[in-house]
Amino acid sequence: MSIQPAPLTVIEVRRTGPLVDAVYTDILQPSFPPAELVSLAGLRDAITAGRATLTVALDATGLPWGAAVGEWYEPARVVLLGYLAARPGSRGRGVGGQLLEEATRTWSERYRPCLVLAEVERPDRHRASLAHGDPVGRLRFYQRYGASALDLPYFQPALRSDEDRAYGMLLVALHVEQEYRRGERAVDAEPVRRFWFDHLAATEGAPVDGAARRMAAALGAERVALRPLDEYRHIPVAAG
C-alpha cells in the first residue's frame, strides 16, 4: 500500500523523457483498461506535437504520485481531460483534486478553451475494481468540482486500429466559457460537434455505423443539454 508524502509539487511537462515514461508505466497503465488508454508512443507523439500536455504531482524525491493529460483540439477550442489518475494505492488522498485544479487553471490560461471535457465511465455499465477504480466514486469526485454530463449517446472512439471503442461512457463538461452557455442547463453544440468529429476522424474516419450516426444526429441541434452527474441514468446509452 502506498502512503502519499506531503506536500506534493505540481508541474507541467511539455517534453518527452523519463518522467513521461514513468507516469505512463507506473500511473496510467495500471489505472485504465487497454481500450481507454493511448499507447506510450502515441502519448509521446502528442506531447512532442503540442497536441497534449502532462500535469504531474511529484514528491520531494521526484517520484510521480498522480498525473493529468490534457488534449488540445484547436479547431474546436476544446481541451479534453484525457486521463486523470493517482498512483495505485494512493487514491482518495487528494492527489486528483489538486491535479484537476492546477491543470484546468493552466489550460484555461494558455488555450482559452470554450470547453474542458472529460470521458467518464457510466456506473451502470462499468463495475468497480481495485485496478481501475470505482465509477460511482469518480462521478461524485467530478460532481464536487461542478461538472455536468452532456445529454448525448456518447462512446469513446477507438484509440488504435487494433482496439475497440469504449462504450458505456459519459461526456462530461468540467468548464464552459460563459459565452458558450445556453441558459443554466445547456451549451452551444458547435464546439462539441467539432471536437467529436475531429476525435472520431483521428482513428475511425466518418460516422458510418449506427452508434456514430446516432451521436452525429444528437449533435445536429443548436444546443446540448447538461444534466447533473447524479442524473446520468437519464442519458441515452450508446450501443455498439
C-alpha atoms as a PDB file:
ATOM      1  CA  MET A   1       0.000   0.000   0.000  1.00  0.00           C
ATOM      2  CA  SER A   2       1.357   3.411  -0.976  1.00  0.00           C
ATOM      3  CA  ILE A   3       1.463   6.206   1.583  1.00  0.00           C
ATOM      4  CA  GLN A   4       1.344   9.589  -0.071  1.00  0.00           C
ATOM      5  CA  PRO A   5       4.010  12.023   1.141  1.00  0.00           C
ATOM      6  CA  ALA A   6       3.202  15.668   1.690  1.00  0.00           C
ATOM      7  CA  PRO A   7       3.461  18.157   0.232  1.00  0.00           C
ATOM      8  CA  LEU A   8       3.382  17.405  -3.483  1.00  0.00           C
ATOM      9  CA  THR A   9       4.569  19.809  -6.162  1.00  0.00           C
ATOM     10  CA  VAL A  10       2.511  20.048  -9.349  1.00  0.00           C
ATOM     11  CA  ILE A  11       4.420  20.716 -12.564  1.00  0.00           C
ATOM     12  CA  GLU A  12       3.578  20.783 -16.247  1.00  0.00           C
ATOM     13  CA  VAL A  13       5.558  18.565 -18.619  1.00  0.00           C
ATOM     14  CA  ARG A  14       5.668  19.579 -22.279  1.00  0.00           C
ATOM     15  CA  ARG A  15       8.610  17.468 -23.420  1.00  0.00           C
ATOM     16  CA  THR A  16       9.022  13.712 -23.541  1.00  0.00           C
ATOM     17  CA  GLY A  17      11.578  11.917 -21.412  1.00  0.00           C
ATOM     18  CA  PRO A  18      11.968   9.548 -18.455  1.00  0.00           C
ATOM     19  CA  LEU A  19       9.254  11.289 -16.418  1.00  0.00           C
ATOM     20  CA  VAL A  20       6.642  10.806 -19.152  1.00  0.00           C
ATOM     21  CA  ASP A  21       7.603   7.144 -19.427  1.00  0.00           C
ATOM     22  CA  ALA A  22       7.426   6.663 -15.645  1.00  0.00           C
ATOM     23  CA  VAL A  23       3.993   8.289 -15.452  1.00  0.00           C
ATOM     24  CA  TYR A  24       2.705   6.047 -18.215  1.00  0.00           C
ATOM     25  CA  THR A  25       4.117   2.821 -16.744  1.00  0.00           C
ATOM     26  CA  ASP A  26       3.504   3.463 -13.044  1.00  0.00           C
ATOM     27  CA  ILE A  27       0.267   5.501 -13.086  1.00  0.00           C
ATOM     28  CA  LEU A  28      -1.666   5.468 -16.361  1.00  0.00           C
ATOM     29  CA  GLN A  29      -1.181   1.865 -17.437  1.00  0.00           C
ATOM     30  CA  PRO A  30      -2.360   0.353 -14.115  1.00  0.00           C
ATOM     31  CA  SER A  31      -5.332   2.746 -13.958  1.00  0.00           C
ATOM     32  CA  PHE A  32      -7.060   2.332 -17.340  1.00  0.00           C
ATOM     33  CA  PRO A  33      -8.200  -0.653 -19.423  1.00  0.00           C
ATOM     34  CA  PRO A  34      -6.391  -1.040 -22.772  1.00  0.00           C
ATOM     35  CA  ALA A  35      -9.359   0.173 -24.854  1.00  0.00           C
ATOM     36  CA  GLU A  36      -9.338   3.506 -22.994  1.00  0.00           C
ATOM     37  CA  LEU A  37      -5.569   4.103 -22.925  1.00  0.00           C
ATOM     38  CA  VAL A  38      -3.438   5.592 -25.673  1.00  0.00           C
ATOM     39  CA  SER A  39      -0.107   3.867 -26.306  1.00  0.00           C
ATOM     40  CA  LEU A  40       3.092   5.263 -24.817  1.00  0.00           C
ATOM     41  CA  ALA A  41       4.298   6.079 -28.329  1.00  0.00           C
ATOM     42  CA  GLY A  42       1.032   7.894 -29.001  1.00  0.00           C
ATOM     43  CA  LEU A  43       1.375   9.941 -25.811  1.00  0.00           C
ATOM     44  CA  ARG A  44       4.958  10.855 -26.646  1.00  0.00           C
ATOM     45  CA  ASP A  45       3.971  11.907 -30.177  1.00  0.00           C
ATOM     46  CA  ALA A  46       1.077  14.051 -28.926  1.00  0.00           C
ATOM     47  CA  ILE A  47       3.279  15.843 -26.389  1.00  0.00           C
ATOM     48  CA  THR A  48       6.021  16.444 -28.963  1.00  0.00           C
ATOM     49  CA  ALA A  49       3.497  17.822 -31.468  1.00  0.00           C
ATOM     50  CA  GLY A  50       1.937  20.136 -28.876  1.00  0.00           C
ATOM     51  CA  ARG A  51      -1.426  18.355 -29.019  1.00  0.00           C
ATOM     52  CA  ALA A  52      -1.138  17.158 -25.419  1.00  0.00           C
ATOM     53  CA  THR A  53       0.293  18.360 -22.162  1.00  0.00           C
ATOM     54  CA  LEU A  54       1.041  16.405 -18.992  1.00  0.00           C
ATOM     55  CA  THR A  55       0.492  17.721 -15.464  1.00  0.00           C
ATOM     56  CA  VAL A  56       2.261  15.715 -12.755  1.00  0.00           C
ATOM     57  CA  ALA A  57       2.256  15.739  -8.937  1.00  0.00           C
ATOM     58  CA  LEU A  58       5.755  14.978  -7.628  1.00  0.00           C
ATOM     59  CA  ASP A  59       7.129  14.345  -4.157  1.00  0.00           C
ATOM     60  CA  ALA A  60      10.418  15.778  -2.898  1.00  0.00           C
ATOM     61  CA  THR A  61      12.373  12.919  -4.486  1.00  0.00           C
ATOM     62  CA  GLY A  62      10.830  13.476  -7.923  1.00  0.00           C
ATOM     63  CA  LEU A  63       8.565  10.423  -7.739  1.00  0.00           C
ATOM     64  CA  PRO A  64       5.245  10.977  -9.581  1.00  0.00           C
ATOM     65  CA  TRP A  65       2.108  10.415  -7.477  1.00  0.00           C
ATOM     66  CA  GLY A  66      -0.519  11.469  -9.967  1.00  0.00           C
ATOM     67  CA  ALA A  67      -0.971  12.810 -13.468  1.00  0.00           C
ATOM     68  CA  ALA A  68      -3.447  14.571 -15.743  1.00  0.00           C
ATOM     69  CA  VAL A  69      -3.233  14.519 -19.538  1.00  0.00           C
ATOM     70  CA  GLY A  70      -4.844  17.364 -21.456  1.00  0.00           C
ATOM     71  CA  GLU A  71      -5.502  17.050 -25.204  1.00  0.00           C
ATOM     72  CA  TRP A  72      -5.945  20.266 -27.183  1.00  0.00           C
ATOM     73  CA  TYR A  73      -8.427  20.260 -30.091  1.00  0.00           C
ATOM     74  CA  GLU A  74      -7.563  23.629 -31.574  1.00  0.00           C
ATOM     75  CA  PRO A  75     -10.214  23.945 -34.349  1.00  0.00           C
ATOM     76  CA  ALA A  76     -12.946  23.284 -31.773  1.00  0.00           C
ATOM     77  CA  ARG A  77     -11.169  25.223 -28.995  1.00  0.00           C
ATOM     78  CA  VAL A  78     -11.795  22.279 -26.673  1.00  0.00           C
ATOM     79  CA  VAL A  79      -9.474  20.685 -24.128  1.00  0.00           C
ATOM     80  CA  LEU A  80     -10.162  17.037 -23.358  1.00  0.00           C
ATOM     81  CA  LEU A  81      -9.006  15.756 -19.989  1.00  0.00           C
ATOM     82  CA  GLY A  82      -7.787  12.511 -21.470  1.00  0.00           C
ATOM     83  CA  TYR A  83      -6.603  10.964 -18.203  1.00  0.00           C
ATOM     84  CA  LEU A  84      -6.583  11.800 -14.513  1.00  0.00           C
ATOM     85  CA  ALA A  85      -5.094   9.199 -12.190  1.00  0.00           C
ATOM     86  CA  ALA A  86      -3.221   8.745  -8.933  1.00  0.00           C
ATOM     87  CA  ARG A  87      -0.509   6.210  -8.212  1.00  0.00           C
ATOM     88  CA  PRO A  88      -2.088   2.862  -7.271  1.00  0.00           C
ATOM     89  CA  GLY A  89      -2.677   2.711  -3.536  1.00  0.00           C
ATOM     90  CA  SER A  90      -2.951   6.491  -3.141  1.00  0.00           C
ATOM     91  CA  ARG A  91      -6.493   7.141  -4.407  1.00  0.00           C
ATOM     92  CA  GLY A  92      -8.705   9.204  -2.134  1.00  0.00           C
ATOM     93  CA  ARG A  93      -5.845  11.253  -0.686  1.00  0.00           C
ATOM     94  CA  GLY A  94      -6.443  14.489  -2.582  1.00  0.00           C
ATOM     95  CA  VAL A  95      -3.964  13.988  -5.419  1.00  0.00           C
ATOM     96  CA  GLY A  96      -6.669  14.031  -8.104  1.00  0.00           C
ATOM     97  CA  GLY A  97      -8.302  17.188  -6.814  1.00  0.00           C
ATOM     98  CA  GLN A  98      -5.002  19.053  -6.657  1.00  0.00           C
ATOM     99  CA  LEU A  99      -4.160  17.957 -10.189  1.00  0.00           C
ATOM    100  CA  LEU A 100      -7.589  18.823 -11.582  1.00  0.00           C
ATOM    101  CA  GLU A 101      -7.491  22.340 -10.145  1.00  0.00           C
ATOM    102  CA  GLU A 102      -3.941  23.052 -11.338  1.00  0.00           C
ATOM    103  CA  ALA A 103      -4.442  21.514 -14.774  1.00  0.00           C
ATOM    104  CA  THR A 104      -7.715  23.288 -15.590  1.00  0.00           C
ATOM    105  CA  ARG A 105      -6.234  26.605 -14.441  1.00  0.00           C
ATOM    106  CA  THR A 106      -3.176  26.120 -16.665  1.00  0.00           C
ATOM    107  CA  TRP A 107      -5.248  25.082 -19.678  1.00  0.00           C
ATOM    108  CA  SER A 108      -7.645  28.000 -19.246  1.00  0.00           C
ATOM    109  CA  GLU A 109      -4.769  30.479 -19.186  1.00  0.00           C
ATOM    110  CA  ARG A 110      -2.882  29.006 -22.140  1.00  0.00           C
ATOM    111  CA  TYR A 111      -5.589  27.876 -24.533  1.00  0.00           C
ATOM    112  CA  ARG A 112      -8.616  29.977 -23.576  1.00  0.00           C
ATOM    113  CA  PRO A 113     -10.838  26.972 -24.407  1.00  0.00           C
ATOM    114  CA  CYS A 114     -14.575  27.316 -24.779  1.00  0.00           C
ATOM    115  CA  LEU A 115     -14.978  23.883 -23.144  1.00  0.00           C
ATOM    116  CA  VAL A 116     -12.969  21.497 -20.995  1.00  0.00           C
ATOM    117  CA  LEU A 117     -14.396  17.990 -21.364  1.00  0.00           C
ATOM    118  CA  ALA A 118     -13.725  14.526 -19.961  1.00  0.00           C
ATOM    119  CA  GLU A 119     -14.753  10.979 -20.870  1.00  0.00           C
ATOM    120  CA  VAL A 120     -16.035   9.150 -17.786  1.00  0.00           C
ATOM    121  CA  GLU A 121     -17.320   5.602 -17.323  1.00  0.00           C
ATOM    122  CA  ARG A 122     -21.027   5.141 -16.584  1.00  0.00           C
ATOM    123  CA  PRO A 123     -21.541   3.330 -13.269  1.00  0.00           C
ATOM    124  CA  ASP A 124     -24.425   1.343 -14.786  1.00  0.00           C
ATOM    125  CA  ARG A 125     -22.105  -0.072 -17.461  1.00  0.00           C
ATOM    126  CA  HIS A 126     -18.774  -0.456 -15.638  1.00  0.00           C
ATOM    127  CA  ARG A 127     -18.025  -2.247 -12.383  1.00  0.00           C
ATOM    128  CA  ALA A 128     -15.704  -1.018  -9.674  1.00  0.00           C
ATOM    129  CA  SER A 129     -12.312  -2.714  -9.477  1.00  0.00           C
ATOM    130  CA  LEU A 130      -9.110  -2.342  -7.497  1.00  0.00           C
ATOM    131  CA  ALA A 131      -7.182  -1.743 -10.704  1.00  0.00           C
ATOM    132  CA  HIS A 132      -9.427   0.793 -12.422  1.00  0.00           C
ATOM    133  CA  GLY A 133     -11.299   2.410  -9.540  1.00  0.00           C
ATOM    134  CA  ASP A 134     -14.954   2.995  -8.734  1.00  0.00           C
ATOM    135  CA  PRO A 135     -17.147   4.666 -11.395  1.00  0.00           C
ATOM    136  CA  VAL A 136     -19.618   5.847  -8.718  1.00  0.00           C
ATOM    137  CA  GLY A 137     -16.849   7.466  -6.706  1.00  0.00           C
ATOM    138  CA  ARG A 138     -15.415   9.013  -9.850  1.00  0.00           C
ATOM    139  CA  LEU A 139     -18.724  10.690 -10.717  1.00  0.00           C
ATOM    140  CA  ARG A 140     -19.017  12.010  -7.165  1.00  0.00           C
ATOM    141  CA  PHE A 141     -15.489  13.391  -7.425  1.00  0.00           C
ATOM    142  CA  TYR A 142     -16.259  15.316 -10.611  1.00  0.00           C
ATOM    143  CA  GLN A 143     -19.598  16.496  -9.248  1.00  0.00           C
ATOM    144  CA  ARG A 144     -17.791  18.082  -6.286  1.00  0.00           C
ATOM    145  CA  TYR A 145     -15.900  20.175  -8.823  1.00  0.00           C
ATOM    146  CA  GLY A 146     -19.055  21.374 -10.550  1.00  0.00           C
ATOM    147  CA  ALA A 147     -19.019  19.072 -13.568  1.00  0.00           C
ATOM    148  CA  SER A 148     -22.132  18.212 -15.587  1.00  0.00           C
ATOM    149  CA  ALA A 149     -22.847  15.458 -18.114  1.00  0.00           C
ATOM    150  CA  LEU A 150     -23.746  16.250 -21.712  1.00  0.00           C
ATOM    151  CA  ASP A 151     -27.004  14.585 -22.721  1.00  0.00           C
ATOM    152  CA  LEU A 152     -25.523  12.564 -25.586  1.00  0.00           C
ATOM    153  CA  PRO A 153     -25.303   8.839 -26.500  1.00  0.00           C
ATOM    154  CA  TYR A 154     -21.545   9.047 -26.150  1.00  0.00           C
ATOM    155  CA  PHE A 155     -18.829   6.494 -26.777  1.00  0.00           C
ATOM    156  CA  GLN A 156     -15.066   6.876 -26.810  1.00  0.00           C
ATOM    157  CA  PRO A 157     -13.777   6.360 -30.357  1.00  0.00           C
ATOM    158  CA  ALA A 158     -11.258   3.578 -30.865  1.00  0.00           C
ATOM    159  CA  LEU A 159      -7.824   4.891 -29.947  1.00  0.00           C
ATOM    160  CA  ARG A 160      -5.987   2.481 -32.251  1.00  0.00           C
ATOM    161  CA  SER A 161      -6.886   0.253 -35.162  1.00  0.00           C
ATOM    162  CA  ASP A 162      -6.249  -2.831 -33.006  1.00  0.00           C
ATOM    163  CA  GLU A 163      -8.574  -1.709 -30.189  1.00  0.00           C
ATOM    164  CA  ASP A 164     -12.343  -1.463 -29.897  1.00  0.00           C
ATOM    165  CA  ARG A 165     -14.391   1.578 -28.970  1.00  0.00           C
ATOM    166  CA  ALA A 166     -15.145   2.153 -25.311  1.00  0.00           C
ATOM    167  CA  TYR A 167     -18.912   2.072 -24.848  1.00  0.00           C
ATOM    168  CA  GLY A 168     -20.796   2.925 -21.673  1.00  0.00           C
ATOM    169  CA  MET A 169     -19.205   6.355 -21.394  1.00  0.00           C
ATOM    170  CA  LEU A 170     -20.351   9.854 -20.459  1.00  0.00           C
ATOM    171  CA  LEU A 171     -19.019  13.077 -21.939  1.00  0.00           C
ATOM    172  CA  VAL A 172     -18.614  15.456 -19.019  1.00  0.00           C
ATOM    173  CA  ALA A 173     -18.176  19.242 -19.035  1.00  0.00           C
ATOM    174  CA  LEU A 174     -15.629  20.415 -16.464  1.00  0.00           C
ATOM    175  CA  HIS A 175     -15.588  24.024 -17.647  1.00  0.00           C
ATOM    176  CA  VAL A 176     -17.802  26.050 -20.000  1.00  0.00           C
ATOM    177  CA  GLU A 177     -16.960  29.594 -21.037  1.00  0.00           C
ATOM    178  CA  GLN A 178     -19.891  31.886 -20.343  1.00  0.00           C
ATOM    179  CA  GLU A 179     -20.456  32.844 -23.998  1.00  0.00           C
ATOM    180  CA  TYR A 180     -20.999  29.167 -24.861  1.00  0.00           C
ATOM    181  CA  ARG A 181     -23.620  28.573 -22.207  1.00  0.00           C
ATOM    182  CA  ARG A 182     -27.228  28.421 -23.328  1.00  0.00           C
ATOM    183  CA  GLY A 183     -29.066  29.098 -20.114  1.00  0.00           C
ATOM    184  CA  GLU A 184     -28.198  27.176 -16.965  1.00  0.00           C
ATOM    185  CA  ARG A 185     -28.684  23.688 -18.392  1.00  0.00           C
ATOM    186  CA  ALA A 186     -27.267  23.680 -21.932  1.00  0.00           C
ATOM    187  CA  VAL A 187     -24.202  24.527 -24.032  1.00  0.00           C
ATOM    188  CA  ASP A 188     -23.682  25.575 -27.640  1.00  0.00           C
ATOM    189  CA  ALA A 189     -23.475  22.392 -29.723  1.00  0.00           C
ATOM    190  CA  GLU A 190     -20.966  23.733 -32.272  1.00  0.00           C
ATOM    191  CA  PRO A 191     -17.702  23.259 -30.307  1.00  0.00           C
ATOM    192  CA  VAL A 192     -18.876  19.862 -29.040  1.00  0.00           C
ATOM    193  CA  ARG A 193     -19.722  18.830 -32.594  1.00  0.00           C
ATOM    194  CA  ARG A 194     -16.359  19.940 -33.998  1.00  0.00           C
ATOM    195  CA  PHE A 195     -14.494  18.228 -31.153  1.00  0.00           C
ATOM    196  CA  TRP A 196     -16.324  14.944 -31.605  1.00  0.00           C
ATOM    197  CA  PHE A 197     -15.953  14.754 -35.379  1.00  0.00           C
ATOM    198  CA  ASP A 198     -12.220  15.511 -35.048  1.00  0.00           C
ATOM    199  CA  HIS A 199     -11.895  12.937 -32.254  1.00  0.00           C
ATOM    200  CA  LEU A 200     -13.656  10.277 -34.328  1.00  0.00           C
ATOM    201  CA  ALA A 201     -11.852  11.097 -37.577  1.00  0.00           C
ATOM    202  CA  ALA A 202      -8.418  10.747 -35.966  1.00  0.00           C
ATOM    203  CA  THR A 203      -8.745   6.967 -35.717  1.00  0.00           C
ATOM    204  CA  GLU A 204     -12.036   5.841 -37.268  1.00  0.00           C
ATOM    205  CA  GLY A 205     -12.979   8.246 -40.043  1.00  0.00           C
ATOM    206  CA  ALA A 206     -16.538   9.290 -40.892  1.00  0.00           C
ATOM    207  CA  PRO A 207     -19.516   8.320 -38.678  1.00  0.00           C
ATOM    208  CA  VAL A 208     -20.942   5.489 -40.790  1.00  0.00           C
ATOM    209  CA  ASP A 209     -22.293   2.932 -38.289  1.00  0.00           C
ATOM    210  CA  GLY A 210     -25.427   3.163 -36.176  1.00  0.00           C
ATOM    211  CA  ALA A 211     -23.859   4.369 -32.922  1.00  0.00           C
ATOM    212  CA  ALA A 212     -21.834   7.049 -34.690  1.00  0.00           C
ATOM    213  CA  ARG A 213     -24.830   8.220 -36.720  1.00  0.00           C
ATOM    214  CA  ARG A 214     -26.936   8.489 -33.556  1.00  0.00           C
ATOM    215  CA  MET A 215     -24.230  10.579 -31.922  1.00  0.00           C
ATOM    216  CA  ALA A 216     -23.968  12.795 -35.006  1.00  0.00           C
ATOM    217  CA  ALA A 217     -27.749  13.253 -35.062  1.00  0.00           C
ATOM    218  CA  ALA A 218     -27.781  14.239 -31.387  1.00  0.00           C
ATOM    219  CA  LEU A 219     -25.203  16.909 -32.179  1.00  0.00           C
ATOM    220  CA  GLY A 220     -27.297  18.316 -35.022  1.00  0.00           C
ATOM    221  CA  ALA A 221     -29.277  20.615 -32.736  1.00  0.00           C
ATOM    222  CA  GLU A 222     -28.183  24.119 -31.762  1.00  0.00           C
ATOM    223  CA  ARG A 223     -27.548  23.195 -28.147  1.00  0.00           C
ATOM    224  CA  VAL A 224     -26.703  20.206 -25.964  1.00  0.00           C
ATOM    225  CA  ALA A 225     -28.471  19.788 -22.640  1.00  0.00           C
ATOM    226  CA  LEU A 226     -26.482  19.440 -19.420  1.00  0.00           C
ATOM    227  CA  ARG A 227     -27.507  17.119 -16.611  1.00  0.00           C
ATOM    228  CA  PRO A 228     -26.251  16.817 -13.036  1.00  0.00           C
ATOM    229  CA  LEU A 229     -23.985  13.796 -12.812  1.00  0.00           C
ATOM    230  CA  ASP A 230     -26.324  12.070 -10.378  1.00  0.00           C
ATOM    231  CA  GLU A 231     -28.956  12.069 -13.165  1.00  0.00           C
ATOM    232  CA  TYR A 232     -26.734  10.208 -15.605  1.00  0.00           C
ATOM    233  CA  ARG A 233     -29.220   7.314 -15.913  1.00  0.00           C
ATOM    234  CA  HIS A 234     -31.495   9.631 -17.914  1.00  0.00           C
ATOM    235  CA  ILE A 235     -28.803   9.983 -20.600  1.00  0.00           C
ATOM    236  CA  PRO A 236     -29.097   7.525 -23.520  1.00  0.00           C
ATOM    237  CA  VAL A 237     -26.508   4.759 -23.702  1.00  0.00           C
ATOM    238  CA  ALA A 238     -24.546   4.303 -26.914  1.00  0.00           C
ATOM    239  CA  ALA A 239     -24.900   0.779 -28.249  1.00  0.00           C
ATOM    240  CA  GLY A 240     -22.384  -0.960 -30.471  1.00  0.00           C
END
